[in-house]
Amino acid sequence: MSVLTLTSDNFKNEVVNSQIPVLVDFWASWCGPCRMVSPIVDGIAEESGGKFKVGKVNVDEQPELAAQFNVMSIPTLIVFKNGSIHKTSVGVRSKSDILSMLA
């Protein structure tokens, strides 16, 4: 499954109303640590097998979503289950750490 580009227009439908868990990566193009996490998140999306979704929110383009979820530092990873925040992580994480958030 490919990575979803999340915006204020599709966030509710893709994340809040999702029947499966959703990993959301809050990032920005100028953020070095975000560029380190991005290929890991992309790989997780490719391996999801439909068990979960993966989406990205560009905080420069979607500041209202970042504010809504109190994202103060990036990269911030949030796992949503049943429309609610399940787990949150800030900073660079390993693939195994990110996958454990989805468990």
C-alpha atoms as a PDB file:
ATOM      1  CA  MET A   1       0.000   0.000   0.000  1.00  0.00           C
ATOM      2  CA  SER A   2       1.340   3.427  -0.845  1.00  0.00           C
ATOM      3  CA  VAL A   3       1.692   6.346   1.545  1.00  0.00           C
ATOM      4  CA  LEU A   4      -1.327   8.658   1.715  1.00  0.00           C
ATOM      5  CA  THR A   5      -0.849  12.406   1.537  1.00  0.00           C
ATOM      6  CA  LEU A   6      -3.063  13.650   4.342  1.00  0.00           C
ATOM      7  CA  THR A   7      -4.712  17.066   4.360  1.00  0.00           C
ATOM      8  CA  SER A   8      -7.457  18.731   6.337  1.00  0.00           C
ATOM      9  CA  ASP A   9      -9.801  17.700   3.506  1.00  0.00           C
ATOM     10  CA  ASN A  10      -9.178  13.944   3.695  1.00  0.00           C
ATOM     11  CA  PHE A  11      -7.927  13.414   7.276  1.00  0.00           C
ATOM     12  CA  LYS A  12     -11.309  12.516   8.767  1.00  0.00           C
ATOM     13  CA  ASN A  13     -12.140  10.034   6.025  1.00  0.00           C
ATOM     14  CA  GLU A  14      -8.690   8.397   5.835  1.00  0.00           C
ATOM     15  CA  VAL A  15      -7.716   8.441   9.531  1.00  0.00           C
ATOM     16  CA  VAL A  16     -10.589   9.124  11.929  1.00  0.00           C
ATOM     17  CA  ASN A  17     -13.074   6.915  10.067  1.00  0.00           C
ATOM     18  CA  SER A  18     -10.552   4.167   9.234  1.00  0.00           C
ATOM     19  CA  GLN A  19     -11.457   0.619  10.186  1.00  0.00           C
ATOM     20  CA  ILE A  20      -7.751  -0.271  10.468  1.00  0.00           C
ATOM     21  CA  PRO A  21      -4.906   1.437  12.394  1.00  0.00           C
ATOM     22  CA  VAL A  22      -3.239   4.425  10.717  1.00  0.00           C
ATOM     23  CA  LEU A  23       0.377   5.534  11.171  1.00  0.00           C
ATOM     24  CA  VAL A  24       0.646   9.282  10.544  1.00  0.00           C
ATOM     25  CA  ASP A  25       4.028  10.933   9.980  1.00  0.00           C
ATOM     26  CA  PHE A  26       4.061  14.695  10.651  1.00  0.00           C
ATOM     27  CA  TRP A  27       7.042  16.080   8.726  1.00  0.00           C
ATOM     28  CA  ALA A  28       8.530  18.986   6.735  1.00  0.00           C
ATOM     29  CA  SER A  29      10.856  19.049   3.717  1.00  0.00           C
ATOM     30  CA  TRP A  30      13.499  21.152   5.531  1.00  0.00           C
ATOM     31  CA  CYS A  31      13.694  18.761   8.512  1.00  0.00           C
ATOM     32  CA  GLY A  32      16.808  16.552   8.490  1.00  0.00           C
ATOM     33  CA  PRO A  33      15.485  13.958  10.959  1.00  0.00           C
ATOM     34  CA  CYS A  34      12.253  13.801   8.915  1.00  0.00           C
ATOM     35  CA  ARG A  35      14.305  12.872   5.842  1.00  0.00           C
ATOM     36  CA  MET A  36      15.899  10.077   7.895  1.00  0.00           C
ATOM     37  CA  VAL A  37      12.521   8.660   8.987  1.00  0.00           C
ATOM     38  CA  SER A  38      10.789   9.051   5.620  1.00  0.00           C
ATOM     39  CA  PRO A  39      12.292   5.984   3.859  1.00  0.00           C
ATOM     40  CA  ILE A  40      11.535   3.854   6.927  1.00  0.00           C
ATOM     41  CA  VAL A  41       7.893   5.005   6.928  1.00  0.00           C
ATOM     42  CA  ASP A  42       7.681   4.436   3.155  1.00  0.00           C
ATOM     43  CA  GLY A  43       8.995   0.888   3.585  1.00  0.00           C
ATOM     44  CA  ILE A  44       6.495   0.159   6.349  1.00  0.00           C
ATOM     45  CA  ALA A  45       3.691   1.361   4.059  1.00  0.00           C
ATOM     46  CA  GLU A  46       4.826  -1.001   1.291  1.00  0.00           C
ATOM     47  CA  GLU A  47       4.887  -3.932   3.740  1.00  0.00           C
ATOM     48  CA  SER A  48       1.554  -3.130   5.441  1.00  0.00           C
ATOM     49  CA  GLY A  49      -0.360  -5.834   3.582  1.00  0.00           C
ATOM     50  CA  GLY A  50      -3.600  -3.972   4.236  1.00  0.00           C
ATOM     51  CA  LYS A  51      -3.294  -4.454   8.020  1.00  0.00           C
ATOM     52  CA  PHE A  52      -2.851  -0.703   8.521  1.00  0.00           C
ATOM     53  CA  LYS A  53      -2.560   2.542   6.575  1.00  0.00           C
ATOM     54  CA  VAL A  54       0.347   4.963   6.466  1.00  0.00           C
ATOM     55  CA  GLY A  55      -0.072   8.669   5.821  1.00  0.00           C
ATOM     56  CA  LYS A  56       2.043  11.807   5.922  1.00  0.00           C
ATOM     57  CA  VAL A  57       1.131  15.332   6.947  1.00  0.00           C
ATOM     58  CA  ASN A  58       3.394  18.146   5.732  1.00  0.00           C
ATOM     59  CA  VAL A  59       3.235  20.535   8.693  1.00  0.00           C
ATOM     60  CA  ASP A  60       4.113  23.541   6.511  1.00  0.00           C
ATOM     61  CA  GLU A  61       1.166  22.850   4.206  1.00  0.00           C
ATOM     62  CA  GLN A  62      -1.250  21.639   6.927  1.00  0.00           C
ATOM     63  CA  PRO A  63      -0.478  23.723  10.044  1.00  0.00           C
ATOM     64  CA  GLU A  64      -4.035  23.300  11.351  1.00  0.00           C
ATOM     65  CA  LEU A  65      -3.608  19.514  11.538  1.00  0.00           C
ATOM     66  CA  ALA A  66      -0.283  19.891  13.334  1.00  0.00           C
ATOM     67  CA  ALA A  67      -1.905  22.280  15.808  1.00  0.00           C
ATOM     68  CA  GLN A  68      -4.939  20.021  16.270  1.00  0.00           C
ATOM     69  CA  PHE A  69      -2.678  17.179  17.446  1.00  0.00           C
ATOM     70  CA  ASN A  70      -0.241  19.409  19.387  1.00  0.00           C
ATOM     71  CA  VAL A  71       2.681  18.581  17.117  1.00  0.00           C
ATOM     72  CA  MET A  72       5.460  20.855  18.399  1.00  0.00           C
ATOM     73  CA  SER A  73       8.491  18.931  17.117  1.00  0.00           C
ATOM     74  CA  ILE A  74       9.020  16.881  13.991  1.00  0.00           C
ATOM     75  CA  PRO A  75       9.161  14.167  12.983  1.00  0.00           C
ATOM     76  CA  THR A  76       6.183  13.144  15.083  1.00  0.00           C
ATOM     77  CA  LEU A  77       4.609   9.743  14.473  1.00  0.00           C
ATOM     78  CA  ILE A  78       1.089   9.104  15.724  1.00  0.00           C
ATOM     79  CA  VAL A  79      -0.787   5.823  15.501  1.00  0.00           C
ATOM     80  CA  PHE A  80      -4.558   6.186  15.380  1.00  0.00           C
ATOM     81  CA  LYS A  81      -6.842   3.269  16.233  1.00  0.00           C
ATOM     82  CA  ASN A  82     -10.613   3.567  16.016  1.00  0.00           C
ATOM     83  CA  GLY A  83     -10.257   7.277  15.294  1.00  0.00           C
ATOM     84  CA  SER A  84      -8.289   8.058  18.461  1.00  0.00           C
ATOM     85  CA  ILE A  85      -4.612   8.523  19.245  1.00  0.00           C
ATOM     86  CA  HIS A  86      -3.169   5.191  20.322  1.00  0.00           C
ATOM     87  CA  LYS A  87       0.576   5.954  20.509  1.00  0.00           C
ATOM     88  CA  THR A  88       2.833   8.930  19.799  1.00  0.00           C
ATOM     89  CA  SER A  89       6.563   9.164  19.157  1.00  0.00           C
ATOM     90  CA  VAL A  90       8.776  12.207  18.520  1.00  0.00           C
ATOM     91  CA  GLY A  91      12.127  12.033  16.752  1.00  0.00           C
ATOM     92  CA  VAL A  92      13.938   9.435  14.704  1.00  0.00           C
ATOM     93  CA  ARG A  93      12.921   5.859  15.461  1.00  0.00           C
ATOM     94  CA  SER A  94      14.024   2.504  14.080  1.00  0.00           C
ATOM     95  CA  LYS A  95      11.763   0.436  11.881  1.00  0.00           C
ATOM     96  CA  SER A  96      11.199  -2.065  14.697  1.00  0.00           C
ATOM     97  CA  ASP A  97      10.257   0.725  17.114  1.00  0.00           C
ATOM     98  CA  ILE A  98       7.742   2.128  14.642  1.00  0.00           C
ATOM     99  CA  LEU A  99       6.273  -1.304  13.924  1.00  0.00           C
ATOM    100  CA  SER A 100       5.892  -1.931  17.669  1.00  0.00           C
ATOM    101  CA  MET A 101       3.731   1.212  17.859  1.00  0.00           C
ATOM    102  CA  LEU A 102       1.297  -0.482  15.468  1.00  0.00           C
ATOM    103  CA  ALA A 103       1.034  -3.669  17.556  1.00  0.00           C
END
